[in-house]
């Protein structure tokens, strides 16, 4: 079987794959869909920079895809990102709480 999974960021693509293959939970960590890009997204950066127009569109769609996924799937969704945008359908948790999931 060969399946192609779409998405606009590695994170939304990974969440879709996880849900498709029966994950009981999806936990996001380090996914900030705000208007700035940092060294975790682009390792060559020494500080955060404002996302260019193309990256901003990718972030907008990545966020929307994750919110649609949470609306449609009957699994638990968590956001362990310390800062960043709130995601509808994702419970914000602290990284130290991951052991309890």
PDB file of N, CA and C in Angstrom:
ATOM      1  N   UNK A   1       0.844  -1.179   0.000  1.00  0.00           N
ATOM      2  CA  UNK A   1       0.000   0.000   0.000  1.00  0.00           C
ATOM      3  C   UNK A   1       0.888   1.241   0.000  1.00  0.00           C
ATOM      4  N   UNK A   2       0.562   2.176  -0.836  1.00  0.00           N
ATOM      5  CA  UNK A   2       1.315   3.422  -0.934  1.00  0.00           C
ATOM      6  C   UNK A   2       0.339   4.568  -0.767  1.00  0.00           C
ATOM      7  N   UNK A   3       0.579   5.404   0.225  1.00  0.00           N
ATOM      8  CA  UNK A   3      -0.299   6.535   0.496  1.00  0.00           C
ATOM      9  C   UNK A   3       0.537   7.799   0.558  1.00  0.00           C
ATOM     10  N   UNK A   4       0.013   8.861   0.023  1.00  0.00           N
ATOM     11  CA  UNK A   4       0.673  10.164   0.101  1.00  0.00           C
ATOM     12  C   UNK A   4      -0.082  11.009   1.116  1.00  0.00           C
ATOM     13  N   UNK A   5       0.657  11.583   2.048  1.00  0.00           N
ATOM     14  CA  UNK A   5       0.060  12.435   3.064  1.00  0.00           C
ATOM     15  C   UNK A   5       0.449  13.878   2.780  1.00  0.00           C
ATOM     16  N   UNK A   6      -0.543  14.722   2.681  1.00  0.00           N
ATOM     17  CA  UNK A   6      -0.294  16.129   2.436  1.00  0.00           C
ATOM     18  C   UNK A   6      -0.048  16.884   3.720  1.00  0.00           C
ATOM     19  N   UNK A   7       0.136  18.168   3.581  1.00  0.00           N
ATOM     20  CA  UNK A   7       0.364  19.038   4.715  1.00  0.00           C
ATOM     21  C   UNK A   7       1.254  20.184   4.299  1.00  0.00           C
ATOM     22  N   UNK A   8       1.327  21.182   5.140  1.00  0.00           N
ATOM     23  CA  UNK A   8       2.140  22.352   4.834  1.00  0.00           C
ATOM     24  C   UNK A   8       3.368  22.465   5.727  1.00  0.00           C
ATOM     25  N   UNK A   9       3.362  21.737   6.840  1.00  0.00           N
ATOM     26  CA  UNK A   9       4.536  21.711   7.715  1.00  0.00           C
ATOM     27  C   UNK A   9       4.793  20.254   8.074  1.00  0.00           C
ATOM     28  N   UNK A  10       5.990  19.967   8.541  1.00  0.00           N
ATOM     29  CA  UNK A  10       6.288  18.601   8.986  1.00  0.00           C
ATOM     30  C   UNK A  10       5.376  18.204  10.135  1.00  0.00           C
ATOM     31  N   UNK A  11       5.050  19.165  10.990  1.00  0.00           N
ATOM     32  CA  UNK A  11       4.228  18.877  12.165  1.00  0.00           C
ATOM     33  C   UNK A  11       2.807  18.487  11.825  1.00  0.00           C
ATOM     34  N   UNK A  12       2.152  19.227  10.936  1.00  0.00           N
ATOM     35  CA  UNK A  12       0.772  18.852  10.611  1.00  0.00           C
ATOM     36  C   UNK A  12       0.757  17.539   9.841  1.00  0.00           C
ATOM     37  N   UNK A  13       1.754  17.314   9.016  1.00  0.00           N
ATOM     38  CA  UNK A  13       1.852  16.054   8.278  1.00  0.00           C
ATOM     39  C   UNK A  13       2.027  14.888   9.254  1.00  0.00           C
ATOM     40  N   UNK A  14       2.883  15.041  10.251  1.00  0.00           N
ATOM     41  CA  UNK A  14       3.097  13.983  11.246  1.00  0.00           C
ATOM     42  C   UNK A  14       1.831  13.715  12.059  1.00  0.00           C
ATOM     43  N   UNK A  15       1.095  14.753  12.405  1.00  0.00           N
ATOM     44  CA  UNK A  15      -0.153  14.583  13.157  1.00  0.00           C
ATOM     45  C   UNK A  15      -1.186  13.809  12.333  1.00  0.00           C
ATOM     46  N   UNK A  16      -1.287  14.117  11.057  1.00  0.00           N
ATOM     47  CA  UNK A  16      -2.216  13.405  10.172  1.00  0.00           C
ATOM     48  C   UNK A  16      -1.833  11.929  10.080  1.00  0.00           C
ATOM     49  N   UNK A  17      -0.558  11.660   9.891  1.00  0.00           N
ATOM     50  CA  UNK A  17      -0.095  10.273   9.801  1.00  0.00           C
ATOM     51  C   UNK A  17      -0.386   9.534  11.108  1.00  0.00           C
ATOM     52  N   UNK A  18      -0.110  10.171  12.237  1.00  0.00           N
ATOM     53  CA  UNK A  18      -0.368   9.555  13.536  1.00  0.00           C
ATOM     54  C   UNK A  18      -1.841   9.206  13.711  1.00  0.00           C
ATOM     55  N   UNK A  19      -2.710  10.146  13.396  1.00  0.00           N
ATOM     56  CA  UNK A  19      -4.149   9.900  13.519  1.00  0.00           C
ATOM     57  C   UNK A  19      -4.603   8.801  12.559  1.00  0.00           C
ATOM     58  N   UNK A  20      -4.087   8.815  11.355  1.00  0.00           N
ATOM     59  CA  UNK A  20      -4.469   7.823  10.348  1.00  0.00           C
ATOM     60  C   UNK A  20      -4.121   6.405  10.795  1.00  0.00           C
ATOM     61  N   UNK A  21      -2.999   6.254  11.452  1.00  0.00           N
ATOM     62  CA  UNK A  21      -2.549   4.929  11.869  1.00  0.00           C
ATOM     63  C   UNK A  21      -2.941   4.574  13.292  1.00  0.00           C
ATOM     64  N   UNK A  22      -3.945   5.278  13.843  1.00  0.00           N
ATOM     65  CA  UNK A  22      -4.563   4.859  15.088  1.00  0.00           C
ATOM     66  C   UNK A  22      -3.954   5.350  16.383  1.00  0.00           C
ATOM     67  N   UNK A  23      -3.235   6.450  16.357  1.00  0.00           N
ATOM     68  CA  UNK A  23      -2.696   6.989  17.610  1.00  0.00           C
ATOM     69  C   UNK A  23      -3.834   7.325  18.562  1.00  0.00           C
ATOM     70  N   UNK A  24      -3.595   7.137  19.850  1.00  0.00           N
ATOM     71  CA  UNK A  24      -4.614   7.513  20.832  1.00  0.00           C
ATOM     72  C   UNK A  24      -4.486   8.979  21.230  1.00  0.00           C
ATOM     73  N   UNK A  25      -3.295   9.551  21.023  1.00  0.00           N
ATOM     74  CA  UNK A  25      -3.035  10.948  21.341  1.00  0.00           C
ATOM     75  C   UNK A  25      -2.054  11.530  20.327  1.00  0.00           C
ATOM     76  N   UNK A  26      -2.166  12.829  20.130  1.00  0.00           N
ATOM     77  CA  UNK A  26      -1.188  13.572  19.345  1.00  0.00           C
ATOM     78  C   UNK A  26      -0.698  14.696  20.236  1.00  0.00           C
ATOM     79  N   UNK A  27       0.615  14.795  20.384  1.00  0.00           N
ATOM     80  CA  UNK A  27       1.217  15.824  21.224  1.00  0.00           C
ATOM     81  C   UNK A  27       2.116  16.687  20.356  1.00  0.00           C
ATOM     82  N   UNK A  28       1.836  17.976  20.321  1.00  0.00           N
ATOM     83  CA  UNK A  28       2.677  18.909  19.591  1.00  0.00           C
ATOM     84  C   UNK A  28       3.675  19.533  20.559  1.00  0.00           C
ATOM     85  N   UNK A  29       4.909  19.626  20.147  1.00  0.00           N
ATOM     86  CA  UNK A  29       5.931  20.259  20.978  1.00  0.00           C
ATOM     87  C   UNK A  29       6.802  21.121  20.078  1.00  0.00           C
ATOM     88  N   UNK A  30       6.923  22.390  20.420  1.00  0.00           N
ATOM     89  CA  UNK A  30       7.766  23.291  19.643  1.00  0.00           C
ATOM     90  C   UNK A  30       7.123  23.793  18.370  1.00  0.00           C
ATOM     91  N   UNK A  31       5.817  23.752  18.295  1.00  0.00           N
ATOM     92  CA  UNK A  31       5.127  24.217  17.087  1.00  0.00           C
ATOM     93  C   UNK A  31       4.423  25.543  17.380  1.00  0.00           C
ATOM     94  N   UNK A  32       5.044  26.614  16.977  1.00  0.00           N
ATOM     95  CA  UNK A  32       4.510  27.954  17.166  1.00  0.00           C
ATOM     96  C   UNK A  32       4.089  28.471  15.792  1.00  0.00           C
ATOM     97  N   UNK A  33       2.826  28.727  15.631  1.00  0.00           N
ATOM     98  CA  UNK A  33       2.318  29.165  14.328  1.00  0.00           C
ATOM     99  C   UNK A  33       2.206  30.678  14.223  1.00  0.00           C
ATOM    100  N   UNK A  34       2.960  31.390  15.055  1.00  0.00           N
ATOM    101  CA  UNK A  34       2.962  32.843  15.031  1.00  0.00           C
ATOM    102  C   UNK A  34       3.692  33.392  13.814  1.00  0.00           C
ATOM    103  N   UNK A  35       3.945  34.683  13.825  1.00  0.00           N
ATOM    104  CA  UNK A  35       4.509  35.339  12.640  1.00  0.00           C
ATOM    105  C   UNK A  35       6.032  35.357  12.608  1.00  0.00           C
ATOM    106  N   UNK A  36       6.673  34.765  13.619  1.00  0.00           N
ATOM    107  CA  UNK A  36       8.135  34.751  13.649  1.00  0.00           C
ATOM    108  C   UNK A  36       8.677  33.339  13.492  1.00  0.00           C
ATOM    109  N   UNK A  37       9.826  33.236  12.852  1.00  0.00           N
ATOM    110  CA  UNK A  37      10.510  31.961  12.638  1.00  0.00           C
ATOM    111  C   UNK A  37      11.815  32.005  13.423  1.00  0.00           C
ATOM    112  N   UNK A  38      12.104  30.927  14.130  1.00  0.00           N
ATOM    113  CA  UNK A  38      13.319  30.881  14.947  1.00  0.00           C
ATOM    114  C   UNK A  38      14.265  29.781  14.523  1.00  0.00           C
ATOM    115  N   UNK A  39      15.273  29.565  15.359  1.00  0.00           N
ATOM    116  CA  UNK A  39      16.332  28.621  15.022  1.00  0.00           C
ATOM    117  C   UNK A  39      15.877  27.167  14.998  1.00  0.00           C
ATOM    118  N   UNK A  40      14.755  26.852  15.637  1.00  0.00           N
ATOM    119  CA  UNK A  40      14.267  25.479  15.585  1.00  0.00           C
ATOM    120  C   UNK A  40      13.688  25.155  14.216  1.00  0.00           C
ATOM    121  N   UNK A  41      13.181  26.158  13.557  1.00  0.00           N
ATOM    122  CA  UNK A  41      12.652  25.980  12.210  1.00  0.00           C
ATOM    123  C   UNK A  41      13.742  26.127  11.157  1.00  0.00           C
ATOM    124  N   UNK A  42      14.628  27.065  11.395  1.00  0.00           N
ATOM    125  CA  UNK A  42      15.736  27.353  10.465  1.00  0.00           C
ATOM    126  C   UNK A  42      17.026  27.413  11.284  1.00  0.00           C
ATOM    127  N   UNK A  43      17.764  26.300  11.387  1.00  0.00           N
ATOM    128  CA  UNK A  43      18.940  26.240  12.268  1.00  0.00           C
ATOM    129  C   UNK A  43      20.018  27.294  11.992  1.00  0.00           C
ATOM    130  N   UNK A  44      20.058  27.855  10.810  1.00  0.00           N
ATOM    131  CA  UNK A  44      21.079  28.855  10.495  1.00  0.00           C
ATOM    132  C   UNK A  44      20.772  30.218  11.100  1.00  0.00           C
ATOM    133  N   UNK A  45      19.569  30.411  11.614  1.00  0.00           N
ATOM    134  CA  UNK A  45      19.212  31.699  12.217  1.00  0.00           C
ATOM    135  C   UNK A  45      19.847  31.846  13.598  1.00  0.00           C
ATOM    136  N   UNK A  46      20.277  33.047  13.911  1.00  0.00           N
ATOM    137  CA  UNK A  46      20.810  33.320  15.248  1.00  0.00           C
ATOM    138  C   UNK A  46      19.768  33.998  16.132  1.00  0.00           C
ATOM    139  N   UNK A  47      18.705  34.498  15.519  1.00  0.00           N
ATOM    140  CA  UNK A  47      17.599  35.088  16.268  1.00  0.00           C
ATOM    141  C   UNK A  47      16.329  34.930  15.449  1.00  0.00           C
ATOM    142  N   UNK A  48      15.197  35.160  16.096  1.00  0.00           N
ATOM    143  CA  UNK A  48      13.928  35.072  15.391  1.00  0.00           C
ATOM    144  C   UNK A  48      13.816  36.166  14.343  1.00  0.00           C
ATOM    145  N   UNK A  49      13.174  35.836  13.223  1.00  0.00           N
ATOM    146  CA  UNK A  49      12.907  36.812  12.173  1.00  0.00           C
ATOM    147  C   UNK A  49      11.444  36.675  11.765  1.00  0.00           C
ATOM    148  N   UNK A  50      10.903  37.748  11.251  1.00  0.00           N
ATOM    149  CA  UNK A  50       9.525  37.713  10.778  1.00  0.00           C
ATOM    150  C   UNK A  50       9.441  36.782   9.573  1.00  0.00           C
ATOM    151  N   UNK A  51       8.436  35.934   9.568  1.00  0.00           N
ATOM    152  CA  UNK A  51       8.251  34.989   8.466  1.00  0.00           C
ATOM    153  C   UNK A  51       7.999  35.746   7.163  1.00  0.00           C
ATOM    154  N   UNK A  52       8.622  35.278   6.095  1.00  0.00           N
ATOM    155  CA  UNK A  52       8.322  35.888   4.800  1.00  0.00           C
ATOM    156  C   UNK A  52       6.911  35.468   4.388  1.00  0.00           C
ATOM    157  N   UNK A  53       6.394  36.044   3.331  1.00  0.00           N
ATOM    158  CA  UNK A  53       4.992  35.826   2.956  1.00  0.00           C
ATOM    159  C   UNK A  53       4.699  34.352   2.659  1.00  0.00           C
ATOM    160  N   UNK A  54       5.626  33.667   2.033  1.00  0.00           N
ATOM    161  CA  UNK A  54       5.414  32.250   1.714  1.00  0.00           C
ATOM    162  C   UNK A  54       5.354  31.415   2.997  1.00  0.00           C
ATOM    163  N   UNK A  55       6.279  31.642   3.919  1.00  0.00           N
ATOM    164  CA  UNK A  55       6.298  30.907   5.183  1.00  0.00           C
ATOM    165  C   UNK A  55       5.054  31.225   6.012  1.00  0.00           C
ATOM    166  N   UNK A  56       4.617  32.475   6.003  1.00  0.00           N
ATOM    167  CA  UNK A  56       3.415  32.864   6.751  1.00  0.00           C
ATOM    168  C   UNK A  56       2.191  32.103   6.255  1.00  0.00           C
ATOM    169  N   UNK A  57       2.094  31.924   4.954  1.00  0.00           N
ATOM    170  CA  UNK A  57       0.976  31.162   4.377  1.00  0.00           C
ATOM    171  C   UNK A  57       1.056  29.699   4.808  1.00  0.00           C
ATOM    172  N   UNK A  58       2.255  29.121   4.759  1.00  0.00           N
ATOM    173  CA  UNK A  58       2.434  27.731   5.200  1.00  0.00           C
ATOM    174  C   UNK A  58       2.031  27.564   6.657  1.00  0.00           C
ATOM    175  N   UNK A  59       2.427  28.503   7.509  1.00  0.00           N
ATOM    176  CA  UNK A  59       2.079  28.421   8.925  1.00  0.00           C
ATOM    177  C   UNK A  59       0.571  28.541   9.140  1.00  0.00           C
ATOM    178  N   UNK A  60      -0.054  29.432   8.402  1.00  0.00           N
ATOM    179  CA  UNK A  60      -1.510  29.608   8.511  1.00  0.00           C
ATOM    180  C   UNK A  60      -2.232  28.309   8.144  1.00  0.00           C
ATOM    181  N   UNK A  61      -1.827  27.704   7.038  1.00  0.00           N
ATOM    182  CA  UNK A  61      -2.476  26.475   6.596  1.00  0.00           C
ATOM    183  C   UNK A  61      -2.138  25.298   7.499  1.00  0.00           C
ATOM    184  N   UNK A  62      -0.908  25.236   7.973  1.00  0.00           N
ATOM    185  CA  UNK A  62      -0.541  24.168   8.900  1.00  0.00           C
ATOM    186  C   UNK A  62      -1.397  24.207  10.150  1.00  0.00           C
ATOM    187  N   UNK A  63      -1.583  25.390  10.692  1.00  0.00           N
ATOM    188  CA  UNK A  63      -2.429  25.563  11.876  1.00  0.00           C
ATOM    189  C   UNK A  63      -3.866  25.150  11.578  1.00  0.00           C
ATOM    190  N   UNK A  64      -4.379  25.589  10.472  1.00  0.00           N
ATOM    191  CA  UNK A  64      -5.770  25.260  10.112  1.00  0.00           C
ATOM    192  C   UNK A  64      -5.959  23.756   9.927  1.00  0.00           C
ATOM    193  N   UNK A  65      -4.997  23.103   9.286  1.00  0.00           N
ATOM    194  CA  UNK A  65      -5.075  21.651   9.098  1.00  0.00           C
ATOM    195  C   UNK A  65      -5.120  20.936  10.446  1.00  0.00           C
ATOM    196  N   UNK A  66      -4.294  21.371  11.387  1.00  0.00           N
ATOM    197  CA  UNK A  66      -4.288  20.749  12.714  1.00  0.00           C
ATOM    198  C   UNK A  66      -5.619  20.959  13.437  1.00  0.00           C
ATOM    199  N   UNK A  67      -6.204  22.132  13.288  1.00  0.00           N
ATOM    200  CA  UNK A  67      -7.494  22.396  13.930  1.00  0.00           C
ATOM    201  C   UNK A  67      -8.603  21.560  13.289  1.00  0.00           C
ATOM    202  N   UNK A  68      -8.583  21.399  11.997  1.00  0.00           N
ATOM    203  CA  UNK A  68      -9.568  20.544  11.315  1.00  0.00           C
ATOM    204  C   UNK A  68      -9.394  19.098  11.773  1.00  0.00           C
ATOM    205  N   UNK A  69      -8.160  18.653  11.883  1.00  0.00           N
ATOM    206  CA  UNK A  69      -7.892  17.293  12.343  1.00  0.00           C
ATOM    207  C   UNK A  69      -8.494  17.058  13.726  1.00  0.00           C
ATOM    208  N   UNK A  70      -8.319  18.020  14.630  1.00  0.00           N
ATOM    209  CA  UNK A  70      -8.871  17.888  15.985  1.00  0.00           C
ATOM    210  C   UNK A  70     -10.394  17.867  15.970  1.00  0.00           C
ATOM    211  N   UNK A  71     -11.015  18.568  15.026  1.00  0.00           N
ATOM    212  CA  UNK A  71     -12.478  18.564  14.907  1.00  0.00           C
ATOM    213  C   UNK A  71     -12.995  17.208  14.444  1.00  0.00           C
ATOM    214  N   UNK A  72     -12.249  16.538  13.603  1.00  0.00           N
ATOM    215  CA  UNK A  72     -12.730  15.331  12.931  1.00  0.00           C
ATOM    216  C   UNK A  72     -12.343  14.031  13.608  1.00  0.00           C
ATOM    217  N   UNK A  73     -11.269  14.023  14.344  1.00  0.00           N
ATOM    218  CA  UNK A  73     -10.774  12.787  14.943  1.00  0.00           C
ATOM    219  C   UNK A  73     -11.208  12.669  16.394  1.00  0.00           C
ATOM    220  N   UNK A  74     -11.424  11.463  16.839  1.00  0.00           N
ATOM    221  CA  UNK A  74     -11.847  11.198  18.213  1.00  0.00           C
ATOM    222  C   UNK A  74     -10.667  10.734  19.062  1.00  0.00           C
ATOM    223  N   UNK A  75      -9.562  11.451  18.977  1.00  0.00           N
ATOM    224  CA  UNK A  75      -8.405  11.147  19.802  1.00  0.00           C
ATOM    225  C   UNK A  75      -8.042  12.394  20.597  1.00  0.00           C
ATOM    226  N   UNK A  76      -7.128  12.250  21.536  1.00  0.00           N
ATOM    227  CA  UNK A  76      -6.750  13.387  22.383  1.00  0.00           C
ATOM    228  C   UNK A  76      -5.627  14.180  21.714  1.00  0.00           C
ATOM    229  N   UNK A  77      -5.772  15.491  21.732  1.00  0.00           N
ATOM    230  CA  UNK A  77      -4.783  16.382  21.141  1.00  0.00           C
ATOM    231  C   UNK A  77      -4.245  17.320  22.216  1.00  0.00           C
ATOM    232  N   UNK A  78      -2.912  17.416  22.294  1.00  0.00           N
ATOM    233  CA  UNK A  78      -2.249  18.240  23.284  1.00  0.00           C
ATOM    234  C   UNK A  78      -1.248  19.164  22.604  1.00  0.00           C
ATOM    235  N   UNK A  79      -1.055  20.336  23.198  1.00  0.00           N
ATOM    236  CA  UNK A  79      -0.066  21.284  22.716  1.00  0.00           C
ATOM    237  C   UNK A  79       0.904  21.561  23.866  1.00  0.00           C
ATOM    238  N   UNK A  80       2.114  21.014  23.757  1.00  0.00           N
ATOM    239  CA  UNK A  80       3.123  21.186  24.797  1.00  0.00           C
ATOM    240  C   UNK A  80       4.139  22.268  24.428  1.00  0.00           C
ATOM    241  N   UNK A  81       3.791  23.110  23.479  1.00  0.00           N
ATOM    242  CA  UNK A  81       4.646  24.224  23.089  1.00  0.00           C
ATOM    243  C   UNK A  81       4.520  25.304  24.154  1.00  0.00           C
ATOM    244  N   UNK A  82       5.650  25.786  24.662  1.00  0.00           N
ATOM    245  CA  UNK A  82       5.600  26.720  25.791  1.00  0.00           C
ATOM    246  C   UNK A  82       5.002  28.069  25.421  1.00  0.00           C
ATOM    247  N   UNK A  83       5.189  28.516  24.219  1.00  0.00           N
ATOM    248  CA  UNK A  83       4.623  29.780  23.754  1.00  0.00           C
ATOM    249  C   UNK A  83       3.861  29.509  22.463  1.00  0.00           C
ATOM    250  N   UNK A  84       3.484  30.550  21.825  1.00  0.00           N
ATOM    251  CA  UNK A  84       2.884  30.375  20.506  1.00  0.00           C
ATOM    252  C   UNK A  84       1.377  30.444  20.503  1.00  0.00           C
ATOM    253  N   UNK A  85       0.862  30.223  19.342  1.00  0.00           N
ATOM    254  CA  UNK A  85      -0.565  30.326  19.076  1.00  0.00           C
ATOM    255  C   UNK A  85      -1.359  29.223  19.778  1.00  0.00           C
ATOM    256  N   UNK A  86      -2.556  29.563  20.212  1.00  0.00           N
ATOM    257  CA  UNK A  86      -3.481  28.553  20.708  1.00  0.00           C
ATOM    258  C   UNK A  86      -4.058  27.824  19.501  1.00  0.00           C
ATOM    259  N   UNK A  87      -4.311  26.537  19.671  1.00  0.00           N
ATOM    260  CA  UNK A  87      -4.905  25.731  18.620  1.00  0.00           C
ATOM    261  C   UNK A  87      -6.246  25.199  19.108  1.00  0.00           C
ATOM    262  N   UNK A  88      -7.303  25.444  18.361  1.00  0.00           N
ATOM    263  CA  UNK A  88      -8.620  24.931  18.736  1.00  0.00           C
ATOM    264  C   UNK A  88      -8.581  23.412  18.748  1.00  0.00           C
ATOM    265  N   UNK A  89      -9.081  22.842  19.851  1.00  0.00           N
ATOM    266  CA  UNK A  89      -9.132  21.390  19.966  1.00  0.00           C
ATOM    267  C   UNK A  89      -7.908  20.769  20.601  1.00  0.00           C
ATOM    268  N   UNK A  90      -6.910  21.585  20.957  1.00  0.00           N
ATOM    269  CA  UNK A  90      -5.679  21.093  21.574  1.00  0.00           C
ATOM    270  C   UNK A  90      -5.592  21.625  22.995  1.00  0.00           C
ATOM    271  N   UNK A  91      -5.420  20.715  23.943  1.00  0.00           N
ATOM    272  CA  UNK A  91      -5.269  21.120  25.337  1.00  0.00           C
ATOM    273  C   UNK A  91      -3.822  21.542  25.561  1.00  0.00           C
ATOM    274  N   UNK A  92      -3.622  22.724  26.094  1.00  0.00           N
ATOM    275  CA  UNK A  92      -2.273  23.219  26.402  1.00  0.00           C
ATOM    276  C   UNK A  92      -1.789  22.526  27.667  1.00  0.00           C
ATOM    277  N   UNK A  93      -0.624  21.912  27.590  1.00  0.00           N
ATOM    278  CA  UNK A  93      -0.028  21.268  28.755  1.00  0.00           C
ATOM    279  C   UNK A  93       1.437  21.680  28.856  1.00  0.00           C
ATOM    280  N   UNK A  94       1.991  21.529  30.035  1.00  0.00           N
ATOM    281  CA  UNK A  94       3.418  21.792  30.233  1.00  0.00           C
ATOM    282  C   UNK A  94       4.188  20.521  29.869  1.00  0.00           C
ATOM    283  N   UNK A  95       5.361  20.695  29.350  1.00  0.00           N
ATOM    284  CA  UNK A  95       6.184  19.558  28.911  1.00  0.00           C
ATOM    285  C   UNK A  95       6.395  18.543  30.032  1.00  0.00           C
ATOM    286  N   UNK A  96       6.398  18.995  31.278  1.00  0.00           N
ATOM    287  CA  UNK A  96       6.581  18.082  32.421  1.00  0.00           C
ATOM    288  C   UNK A  96       5.381  17.164  32.629  1.00  0.00           C
ATOM    289  N   UNK A  97       4.248  17.480  32.026  1.00  0.00           N
ATOM    290  CA  UNK A  97       3.042  16.668  32.179  1.00  0.00           C
ATOM    291  C   UNK A  97       2.972  15.503  31.197  1.00  0.00           C
ATOM    292  N   UNK A  98       3.918  15.405  30.291  1.00  0.00           N
ATOM    293  CA  UNK A  98       3.847  14.371  29.249  1.00  0.00           C
ATOM    294  C   UNK A  98       3.856  12.951  29.802  1.00  0.00           C
ATOM    295  N   UNK A  99       4.521  12.739  30.907  1.00  0.00           N
ATOM    296  CA  UNK A  99       4.567  11.401  31.496  1.00  0.00           C
ATOM    297  C   UNK A  99       3.214  10.880  31.926  1.00  0.00           C
ATOM    298  N   UNK A 100       2.272  11.771  32.172  1.00  0.00           N
ATOM    299  CA  UNK A 100       0.943  11.374  32.618  1.00  0.00           C
ATOM    300  C   UNK A 100      -0.030  11.066  31.478  1.00  0.00           C
ATOM    301  N   UNK A 101       0.444  11.201  30.260  1.00  0.00           N
ATOM    302  CA  UNK A 101      -0.446  10.962  29.113  1.00  0.00           C
ATOM    303  C   UNK A 101      -0.275   9.539  28.612  1.00  0.00           C
TER     304      UNK A 101
END
